[in-house]
C-alpha atoms as a PDB file:
ATOM      1  CA  MET A   1     110.696 117.196  96.187  1.00  0.00           C
ATOM      2  CA  ASN A   2     112.759 117.986  99.302  1.00  0.00           C
ATOM      3  CA  LEU A   3     111.035 121.373  99.545  1.00  0.00           C
ATOM      4  CA  ILE A   4     107.610 119.688  99.442  1.00  0.00           C
ATOM      5  CA  ILE A   5     108.638 117.226 102.153  1.00  0.00           C
ATOM      6  CA  PHE A   6     109.958 120.104 104.282  1.00  0.00           C
ATOM      7  CA  ALA A   7     106.636 121.946 103.904  1.00  0.00           C
ATOM      8  CA  TRP A   8     104.666 118.812 104.868  1.00  0.00           C
ATOM      9  CA  ASP A   9     106.889 118.331 107.906  1.00  0.00           C
ATOM     10  CA  LYS A  10     106.236 121.888 109.036  1.00  0.00           C
ATOM     11  CA  LEU A  11     102.488 121.429 108.536  1.00  0.00           C
ATOM     12  CA  CYS A  12     102.502 118.170 110.496  1.00  0.00           C
ATOM     13  CA  ARG A  13     104.449 119.667 113.395  1.00  0.00           C
ATOM     14  CA  LYS A  14     102.237 122.740 113.476  1.00  0.00           C
ATOM     15  CA  ALA A  15      99.190 120.502 113.672  1.00  0.00           C
ATOM     16  CA  GLY A  16     100.704 118.722 116.659  1.00  0.00           C
ATOM     17  CA  LEU A  17     101.831 115.684 114.699  1.00  0.00           C
ATOM     18  CA  SER A  18     105.125 113.917 115.062  1.00  0.00           C
ATOM     19  CA  VAL A  19     106.646 110.609 114.019  1.00  0.00           C
ATOM     20  CA  ILE A  20     105.444 109.276 117.370  1.00  0.00           C
ATOM     21  CA  ALA A  21     101.658 109.693 117.325  1.00  0.00           C
ATOM     22  CA  ASP A  22      99.475 110.704 120.248  1.00  0.00           C
ATOM     23  CA  ARG A  23      98.951 107.972 122.840  1.00  0.00           C
ATOM     24  CA  MET A  24      95.390 107.188 123.847  1.00  0.00           C
ATOM     25  CA  ASN A  25      93.549 104.103 125.011  1.00  0.00           C
ATOM     26  CA  TYR A  26      90.320 103.209 126.696  1.00  0.00           C
ATOM     27  CA  GLU A  27      91.625 102.091 130.075  1.00  0.00           C
ATOM     28  CA  SER A  28      88.250 102.345 131.772  1.00  0.00           C
ATOM     29  CA  ASN A  29      86.647  99.609 129.699  1.00  0.00           C
ATOM     30  CA  LYS A  30      87.330  96.151 131.087  1.00  0.00           C
ATOM     31  CA  ASN A  31      84.600  94.279 129.207  1.00  0.00           C
ATOM     32  CA  ILE A  32      86.737  92.749 126.460  1.00  0.00           C
ATOM     33  CA  ASN A  33      86.786  89.284 124.971  1.00  0.00           C
ATOM     34  CA  ARG A  34      89.111  86.884 126.763  1.00  0.00           C
ATOM     35  CA  PRO A  35      91.025  84.071 125.047  1.00  0.00           C
ATOM     36  CA  ASP A  36      89.765  80.524 125.257  1.00  0.00           C
ATOM     37  CA  PRO A  37      91.684  79.033 128.246  1.00  0.00           C
ATOM     38  CA  GLN A  38      92.228  75.806 126.291  1.00  0.00           C
ATOM     39  CA  ASN A  39      94.129  77.768 123.629  1.00  0.00           C
ATOM     40  CA  ALA A  40      95.595  80.485 125.836  1.00  0.00           C
ATOM     41  CA  GLY A  41      99.203  79.934 124.787  1.00  0.00           C
ATOM     42  CA  ALA A  42      98.890  80.292 121.009  1.00  0.00           C
ATOM     43  CA  ILE A  43     100.147  83.135 118.819  1.00  0.00           C
ATOM     44  CA  ASP A  44      99.383  83.471 115.108  1.00  0.00           C
ATOM     45  CA  ILE A  45     101.567  85.556 112.779  1.00  0.00           C
ATOM     46  CA  VAL A  46      99.854  86.575 109.535  1.00  0.00           C
ATOM     47  CA  CYS A  47     101.991  87.691 106.577  1.00  0.00           C
ATOM     48  CA  PRO A  48     100.692  88.762 103.165  1.00  0.00           C
ATOM     49  CA  CYS A  49     102.909  87.675 100.284  1.00  0.00           C
ATOM     50  CA  TYR A  50     103.106  89.099  96.769  1.00  0.00           C
ATOM     51  CA  ASN A  51     106.071  88.398  94.468  1.00  0.00           C
ATOM     52  CA  PRO A  52     108.527  87.999  97.358  1.00  0.00           C
ATOM     53  CA  PRO A  53     112.280  88.546  96.891  1.00  0.00           C
ATOM     54  CA  GLU A  54     114.717  85.696  96.458  1.00  0.00           C
ATOM     55  CA  GLY A  55     115.857  84.211  99.771  1.00  0.00           C
ATOM     56  CA  PHE A  56     112.812  85.374 101.711  1.00  0.00           C
ATOM     57  CA  ILE A  57     112.135  81.901 103.127  1.00  0.00           C
ATOM     58  CA  ASP A  58     115.442  81.746 105.010  1.00  0.00           C
ATOM     59  CA  ASP A  59     114.925  85.276 106.348  1.00  0.00           C
ATOM     60  CA  LEU A  60     111.390  84.398 107.402  1.00  0.00           C
ATOM     61  CA  ASP A  61     112.614  81.247 109.131  1.00  0.00           C
ATOM     62  CA  ARG A  62     115.219  83.197 111.118  1.00  0.00           C
ATOM     63  CA  MET A  63     112.670  85.734 112.333  1.00  0.00           C
ATOM     64  CA  VAL A  64     110.045  83.131 113.268  1.00  0.00           C
ATOM     65  CA  GLU A  65     112.653  81.136 115.178  1.00  0.00           C
ATOM     66  CA  ALA A  66     113.748  84.315 116.986  1.00  0.00           C
ATOM     67  CA  MET A  67     110.154  84.917 118.046  1.00  0.00           C
ATOM     68  CA  ARG A  68     109.694  81.301 119.125  1.00  0.00           C
ATOM     69  CA  ALA A  69     112.780  81.629 121.296  1.00  0.00           C
ATOM     70  CA  ILE A  70     111.095  84.547 123.080  1.00  0.00           C
ATOM     71  CA  TYR A  71     107.930  82.502 123.705  1.00  0.00           C
ATOM     72  CA  PRO A  72     109.166  78.909 124.120  1.00  0.00           C
ATOM     73  CA  GLU A  73     106.042  77.809 125.994  1.00  0.00           C
ATOM     74  CA  ARG A  74     103.593  79.109 123.402  1.00  0.00           C
ATOM     75  CA  ARG A  75     102.586  77.577 120.103  1.00  0.00           C
ATOM     76  CA  MET A  76     103.434  80.006 117.306  1.00  0.00           C
ATOM     77  CA  ARG A  77     101.836  79.481 113.904  1.00  0.00           C
ATOM     78  CA  LEU A  78     102.771  81.281 110.690  1.00  0.00           C
ATOM     79  CA  ILE A  79      99.943  82.023 108.247  1.00  0.00           C
ATOM     80  CA  VAL A  80     101.077  83.212 104.808  1.00  0.00           C
ATOM     81  CA  ALA A  81      98.413  84.681 102.512  1.00  0.00           C
ATOM     82  CA  ASN A  82      99.650  84.479  98.925  1.00  0.00           C
ATOM     83  CA  ASP A  83      98.121  87.416  97.075  1.00  0.00           C
ATOM     84  CA  GLY A  84      98.246  85.814  93.627  1.00  0.00           C
ATOM     85  CA  SER A  85     102.026  86.053  93.242  1.00  0.00           C
ATOM     86  CA  SER A  86     103.178  85.716  89.619  1.00  0.00           C
ATOM     87  CA  ARG A  87     106.775  84.940  90.625  1.00  0.00           C
ATOM     88  CA  GLY A  88     108.756  83.860  93.664  1.00  0.00           C
ATOM     89  CA  PHE A  89     106.017  81.901  95.420  1.00  0.00           C
ATOM     90  CA  GLY A  90     104.872  79.097  93.169  1.00  0.00           C
ATOM     91  CA  PRO A  91     104.399  75.427  94.166  1.00  0.00           C
ATOM     92  CA  GLN A  92     108.152  74.859  94.610  1.00  0.00           C
ATOM     93  CA  GLU A  93     108.636  77.827  96.939  1.00  0.00           C
ATOM     94  CA  GLN A  94     105.483  77.010  98.858  1.00  0.00           C
ATOM     95  CA  ALA A  95     106.679  73.457  99.443  1.00  0.00           C
ATOM     96  CA  GLU A  96     110.062  74.781 100.572  1.00  0.00           C
ATOM     97  CA  LEU A  97     108.386  77.158 103.020  1.00  0.00           C
ATOM     98  CA  LEU A  98     106.316  74.360 104.539  1.00  0.00           C
ATOM     99  CA  ARG A  99     109.456  72.222 104.918  1.00  0.00           C
ATOM    100  CA  THR A 100     111.539  75.044 106.382  1.00  0.00           C
ATOM    101  CA  VAL A 101     109.217  76.839 108.790  1.00  0.00           C
ATOM    102  CA  ALA A 102     107.376  74.480 111.104  1.00  0.00           C
ATOM    103  CA  ASP A 103     103.666  74.999 111.810  1.00  0.00           C
ATOM    104  CA  THR A 104     102.984  77.074 108.693  1.00  0.00           C
ATOM    105  CA  GLU A 105      99.766  77.371 106.712  1.00  0.00           C
ATOM    106  CA  ILE A 106      99.342  78.969 103.285  1.00  0.00           C
ATOM    107  CA  ALA A 107      96.247  80.595 101.818  1.00  0.00           C
ATOM    108  CA  ASP A 108      96.361  80.832  98.001  1.00  0.00           C
ATOM    109  CA  LEU A 109      94.326  83.726  96.633  1.00  0.00           C
ATOM    110  CA  PRO A 110      93.780  85.540  93.349  1.00  0.00           C
ATOM    111  CA  HIS A 111      95.560  88.885  93.298  1.00  0.00           C
ATOM    112  CA  ARG A 112      93.402  91.564  94.909  1.00  0.00           C
ATOM    113  CA  GLY A 113      95.735  93.536  97.162  1.00  0.00           C
ATOM    114  CA  LYS A 114      97.335  93.570 100.588  1.00  0.00           C
ATOM    115  CA  GLY A 115      94.106  94.273 102.448  1.00  0.00           C
ATOM    116  CA  ALA A 116      92.337  91.290 100.909  1.00  0.00           C
ATOM    117  CA  ALA A 117      95.324  89.058 101.690  1.00  0.00           C
ATOM    118  CA  ILE A 118      95.454  90.187 105.312  1.00  0.00           C
ATOM    119  CA  ARG A 119      91.735  89.495 105.755  1.00  0.00           C
ATOM    120  CA  ALA A 120      92.178  85.993 104.329  1.00  0.00           C
ATOM    121  CA  GLY A 121      95.005  85.301 106.767  1.00  0.00           C
ATOM    122  CA  ILE A 122      93.127  86.802 109.700  1.00  0.00           C
ATOM    123  CA  ALA A 123      90.119  84.604 108.864  1.00  0.00           C
ATOM    124  CA  MET A 124      92.371  81.555 109.343  1.00  0.00           C
ATOM    125  CA  SER A 125      93.644  82.705 112.732  1.00  0.00           C
ATOM    126  CA  THR A 126      92.219  81.012 115.824  1.00  0.00           C
ATOM    127  CA  ALA A 127      94.719  82.070 118.500  1.00  0.00           C
ATOM    128  CA  PRO A 128      93.961  84.512 121.317  1.00  0.00           C
ATOM    129  CA  VAL A 129      96.864  86.640 120.036  1.00  0.00           C
ATOM    130  CA  THR A 130      97.285  87.529 116.364  1.00  0.00           C
ATOM    131  CA  ILE A 131      99.784  89.889 114.784  1.00  0.00           C
ATOM    132  CA  TYR A 132     100.233  90.769 111.141  1.00  0.00           C
ATOM    133  CA  THR A 133     103.323  92.110 109.447  1.00  0.00           C
ATOM    134  CA  ASP A 134     104.988  92.086 106.036  1.00  0.00           C
ATOM    135  CA  ILE A 135     106.582  88.946 104.597  1.00  0.00           C
ATOM    136  CA  ASP A 136     110.101  90.293 105.241  1.00  0.00           C
ATOM    137  CA  MET A 137     109.197  90.927 108.903  1.00  0.00           C
ATOM    138  CA  PRO A 138     110.898  94.341 108.830  1.00  0.00           C
ATOM    139  CA  TYR A 139     110.573  95.141 112.525  1.00  0.00           C
ATOM    140  CA  THR A 140     112.937  93.959 115.252  1.00  0.00           C
ATOM    141  CA  ALA A 141     112.008  90.936 117.340  1.00  0.00           C
ATOM    142  CA  GLU A 142     111.809  93.239 120.368  1.00  0.00           C
ATOM    143  CA  SER A 143     109.280  95.461 118.571  1.00  0.00           C
ATOM    144  CA  MET A 144     107.159  92.439 117.686  1.00  0.00           C
ATOM    145  CA  ARG A 145     107.455  91.229 121.269  1.00  0.00           C
ATOM    146  CA  SER A 146     106.122  94.555 122.562  1.00  0.00           C
ATOM    147  CA  VAL A 147     103.092  94.275 120.299  1.00  0.00           C
ATOM    148  CA  ILE A 148     102.406  90.671 121.326  1.00  0.00           C
ATOM    149  CA  ASP A 149     102.884  91.372 125.041  1.00  0.00           C
ATOM    150  CA  ASN A 150     100.334  94.173 124.946  1.00  0.00           C
ATOM    151  CA  VAL A 151      97.727  91.905 123.370  1.00  0.00           C
ATOM    152  CA  ILE A 152      98.502  89.300 126.033  1.00  0.00           C
ATOM    153  CA  ALA A 153      98.034  92.048 128.656  1.00  0.00           C
ATOM    154  CA  GLY A 154      94.477  92.641 127.438  1.00  0.00           C
ATOM    155  CA  TYR A 155      94.538  95.198 124.641  1.00  0.00           C
ATOM    156  CA  ASP A 156      92.360  94.490 121.624  1.00  0.00           C
ATOM    157  CA  VAL A 157      94.368  96.540 119.119  1.00  0.00           C
ATOM    158  CA  VAL A 158      98.074  97.322 119.374  1.00  0.00           C
ATOM    159  CA  ILE A 159      99.287  99.796 116.752  1.00  0.00           C
ATOM    160  CA  ALA A 160     102.964  99.864 115.835  1.00  0.00           C
ATOM    161  CA  VAL A 161     104.115 103.476 115.580  1.00  0.00           C
ATOM    162  CA  ARG A 162     107.154 104.048 113.381  1.00  0.00           C
ATOM    163  CA  ASN A 163     110.106 105.883 114.873  1.00  0.00           C
ATOM    164  CA  ARG A 164     112.681 108.072 113.134  1.00  0.00           C
ATOM    165  CA  SER A 165     114.723 105.098 111.977  1.00  0.00           C
ATOM    166  CA  TYR A 166     111.824 104.083 109.750  1.00  0.00           C
ATOM    167  CA  HIS A 167     111.354 107.458 108.124  1.00  0.00           C
ATOM    168  CA  SER A 168     115.073 107.910 107.529  1.00  0.00           C
ATOM    169  CA  ARG A 169     114.971 104.908 105.151  1.00  0.00           C
ATOM    170  CA  LEU A 170     112.078 106.108 103.010  1.00  0.00           C
ATOM    171  CA  SER A 171     112.321 107.542  99.532  1.00  0.00           C
ATOM    172  CA  PRO A 172     111.270 111.222  99.210  1.00  0.00           C
ATOM    173  CA  LEU A 173     107.887 110.194  97.778  1.00  0.00           C
ATOM    174  CA  ARG A 174     107.252 107.608 100.504  1.00  0.00           C
ATOM    175  CA  LYS A 175     108.280 110.128 103.173  1.00  0.00           C
ATOM    176  CA  LEU A 176     105.884 112.680 101.708  1.00  0.00           C
ATOM    177  CA  MET A 177     103.098 110.086 101.747  1.00  0.00           C
ATOM    178  CA  SER A 178     103.829 109.097 105.339  1.00  0.00           C
ATOM    179  CA  TYR A 179     103.760 112.614 106.750  1.00  0.00           C
ATOM    180  CA  GLY A 180     100.844 113.549 104.513  1.00  0.00           C
ATOM    181  CA  SER A 181      98.756 110.596 105.680  1.00  0.00           C
ATOM    182  CA  LYS A 182      99.238 111.647 109.299  1.00  0.00           C
ATOM    183  CA  ALA A 183      97.996 115.143 108.518  1.00  0.00           C
ATOM    184  CA  LEU A 184      94.988 113.799 106.606  1.00  0.00           C
ATOM    185  CA  ASN A 185      94.140 111.380 109.428  1.00  0.00           C
ATOM    186  CA  ARG A 186      94.180 114.184 111.982  1.00  0.00           C
ATOM    187  CA  ILE A 187      92.177 116.612 109.863  1.00  0.00           C
ATOM    188  CA  PHE A 188      89.542 114.343 108.289  1.00  0.00           C
ATOM    189  CA  LEU A 189      89.146 111.166 110.343  1.00  0.00           C
ATOM    190  CA  ASN A 190      88.791 112.559 113.864  1.00  0.00           C
ATOM    191  CA  ILE A 191      90.730 109.730 115.501  1.00  0.00           C
ATOM    192  CA  PRO A 192      93.629 110.028 117.959  1.00  0.00           C
ATOM    193  CA  TYR A 193      95.790 107.573 116.016  1.00  0.00           C
ATOM    194  CA  THR A 194      97.598 109.268 113.152  1.00  0.00           C
ATOM    195  CA  ASP A 195     100.235 106.642 112.277  1.00  0.00           C
ATOM    196  CA  THR A 196      97.893 103.987 110.929  1.00  0.00           C
ATOM    197  CA  GLN A 197     100.064 102.537 108.144  1.00  0.00           C
ATOM    198  CA  GLY A 198     102.909 100.975 110.150  1.00  0.00           C
ATOM    199  CA  GLY A 199     102.288  97.485 108.806  1.00  0.00           C
ATOM    200  CA  LEU A 200     102.561  95.763 112.202  1.00  0.00           C
ATOM    201  CA  LYS A 201      99.564  95.385 114.478  1.00  0.00           C
ATOM    202  CA  GLY A 202      98.400  93.103 117.240  1.00  0.00           C
ATOM    203  CA  LEU A 203      94.812  91.891 117.468  1.00  0.00           C
ATOM    204  CA  SER A 204      92.623  90.132 119.991  1.00  0.00           C
ATOM    205  CA  PRO A 205      89.821  87.828 118.761  1.00  0.00           C
ATOM    206  CA  LYS A 206      87.461  90.784 119.091  1.00  0.00           C
ATOM    207  CA  ALA A 207      89.713  92.944 116.906  1.00  0.00           C
ATOM    208  CA  ARG A 208      89.940  90.158 114.319  1.00  0.00           C
ATOM    209  CA  GLU A 209      86.187  90.400 113.884  1.00  0.00           C
ATOM    210  CA  THR A 210      86.556  94.118 113.196  1.00  0.00           C
ATOM    211  CA  MET A 211      89.340  93.487 110.669  1.00  0.00           C
ATOM    212  CA  LEU A 212      87.047  91.127 108.764  1.00  0.00           C
ATOM    213  CA  LYS A 213      84.545  93.989 108.414  1.00  0.00           C
ATOM    214  CA  THR A 214      86.996  96.116 106.413  1.00  0.00           C
ATOM    215  CA  ARG A 215      86.379  96.392 102.685  1.00  0.00           C
ATOM    216  CA  ILE A 216      89.421  98.089 101.166  1.00  0.00           C
ATOM    217  CA  ASP A 217      91.625  95.627  99.296  1.00  0.00           C
ATOM    218  CA  ASP A 218      94.679  97.878  98.971  1.00  0.00           C
ATOM    219  CA  PHE A 219      97.133  99.399 101.452  1.00  0.00           C
ATOM    220  CA  LEU A 220      94.682 101.653 103.295  1.00  0.00           C
ATOM    221  CA  PHE A 221      92.864  98.689 104.830  1.00  0.00           C
ATOM    222  CA  ASP A 222      95.110  99.515 107.823  1.00  0.00           C
ATOM    223  CA  THR A 223      93.559 102.952 108.217  1.00  0.00           C
ATOM    224  CA  GLU A 224      90.051 101.602 107.696  1.00  0.00           C
ATOM    225  CA  PHE A 225      90.667  99.030 110.449  1.00  0.00           C
ATOM    226  CA  VAL A 226      91.920 101.648 112.914  1.00  0.00           C
ATOM    227  CA  VAL A 227      88.950 103.915 112.176  1.00  0.00           C
ATOM    228  CA  LEU A 228      86.444 101.097 112.756  1.00  0.00           C
ATOM    229  CA  SER A 229      88.246 100.065 115.950  1.00  0.00           C
ATOM    230  CA  ALA A 230      88.398 103.623 117.313  1.00  0.00           C
ATOM    231  CA  ARG A 231      84.672 104.101 116.748  1.00  0.00           C
ATOM    232  CA  ASP A 232      83.949 101.067 118.953  1.00  0.00           C
ATOM    233  CA  LYS A 233      84.235 102.516 122.458  1.00  0.00           C
ATOM    234  CA  SER A 234      84.445  99.006 123.925  1.00  0.00           C
ATOM    235  CA  MET A 235      87.712  98.400 122.064  1.00  0.00           C
ATOM    236  CA  LYS A 236      90.865  98.720 124.134  1.00  0.00           C
ATOM    237  CA  ILE A 237      93.591 100.300 121.994  1.00  0.00           C
ATOM    238  CA  THR A 238      97.195 101.299 122.541  1.00  0.00           C
ATOM    239  CA  GLU A 239     100.231 102.366 120.475  1.00  0.00           C
ATOM    240  CA  ILE A 240     103.796 101.053 120.718  1.00  0.00           C
ATOM    241  CA  GLU A 241     106.905 102.694 119.296  1.00  0.00           C
ATOM    242  CA  THR A 242     108.739 100.253 117.013  1.00  0.00           C
ATOM    243  CA  THR A 243     112.083  99.976 115.236  1.00  0.00           C
ATOM    244  CA  LEU A 244     113.102  98.514 111.885  1.00  0.00           C
ATOM    245  CA  ARG A 245     115.691  95.761 111.662  1.00  0.00           C
ATOM    246  CA  ASP A 246     119.114  96.691 110.315  1.00  0.00           C
ATOM    247  CA  GLY A 247     119.435  96.230 106.578  1.00  0.00           C
ATOM    248  CA  VAL A 248     115.736  96.487 105.780  1.00  0.00           C
ATOM    249  CA  VAL A 249     115.134  98.371 102.525  1.00  0.00           C
ATOM    250  CA  MET A 250     111.736  99.982 102.053  1.00  0.00           C
ATOM    251  CA  SER A 251     110.036  99.490  98.708  1.00  0.00           C
ATOM    252  CA  SER A 252     109.106 102.347  96.395  1.00  0.00           C
ATOM    253  CA  MET A 253     105.559 103.327  95.492  1.00  0.00           C
ATOM    254  CA  SER A 254     104.306 104.701  92.184  1.00  0.00           C
ATOM    255  CA  GLY A 255     102.238 107.820  91.637  1.00  0.00           C
ATOM    256  CA  ARG A 256      99.428 105.617  90.338  1.00  0.00           C
ATOM    257  CA  VAL A 257      99.286 103.768  93.651  1.00  0.00           C
ATOM    258  CA  LEU A 258      99.359 107.089  95.512  1.00  0.00           C
ATOM    259  CA  LEU A 259      96.304 108.338  93.606  1.00  0.00           C
ATOM    260  CA  ARG A 260      94.459 105.062  94.207  1.00  0.00           C
ATOM    261  CA  GLU A 261      95.147 105.199  97.934  1.00  0.00           C
ATOM    262  CA  LEU A 262      94.048 108.841  98.104  1.00  0.00           C
ATOM    263  CA  LYS A 263      90.719 107.730  96.633  1.00  0.00           C
ATOM    264  CA  ASN A 264      90.510 104.974  99.246  1.00  0.00           C
ATOM    265  CA  PHE A 265      91.240 107.504 101.990  1.00  0.00           C
ATOM    266  CA  PHE A 266      88.235 109.607 101.059  1.00  0.00           C
ATOM    267  CA  ARG A 267      86.114 106.447 100.880  1.00  0.00           C
ATOM    268  CA  ILE A 268      87.026 105.941 104.545  1.00  0.00           C
ATOM    269  CA  ALA A 269      86.487 109.592 105.479  1.00  0.00           C
ATOM    270  CA  LEU A 270      83.064 109.682 103.822  1.00  0.00           C
ATOM    271  CA  GLY A 271      82.049 106.235 105.081  1.00  0.00           C
ATOM    272  CA  LEU A 272      81.553 104.846 101.571  1.00  0.00           C
END
């Protein structure tokens, strides 16, 4: 497995890829949607949730409070999209979340996948600034702040690019998938953004509309969203290097999921 990862790494570097993807944005286009002045201070955080770990509510509360401390003058709403969890997020846990984290809304959905959950949460967002991230909020508050600040500055899509600290915590299979996806993005999708699966992105209202046009229900909804956004030359896009919080453990992924996502990738590449 280590030999395969080494070979992928060499291929990626030869193709001009690195952990920090190419930077490109459409600076010349100024005709982007502006937030409603009556709601200019709001920020929505969308988190998909599927069978969360024990104690996630306290961790979520700490991170939301850390972000609210950064933006004390702005309303910050948490939107949790429950992707049909079979454990860990039943009526008792949902009630506890609503008691613990102020200004929280929950969307209850049948299990379809992370992409479907994100779309449901995005559909509930009404703020001029929306970000989405995983339920454990794995990135540092400063990383999330950088994403939010760039949406506030006028970007439609802010893509979190994972630095070396992220990849050092991945299992061999996940590392192979990460480097492999960058190579596939560069070769087949013809977009300048190769790190599409970071799991943290910032969206303007215009970008939310694009997210709601995605169709993939599984993990590669992220890539589909970036492809659709990049094809819209009026969309203002940028990338931000981000860092994981200390102590975050990345989940494993099965070979079955890998094969399913490879199928989804070629759906995107072929426009199906």
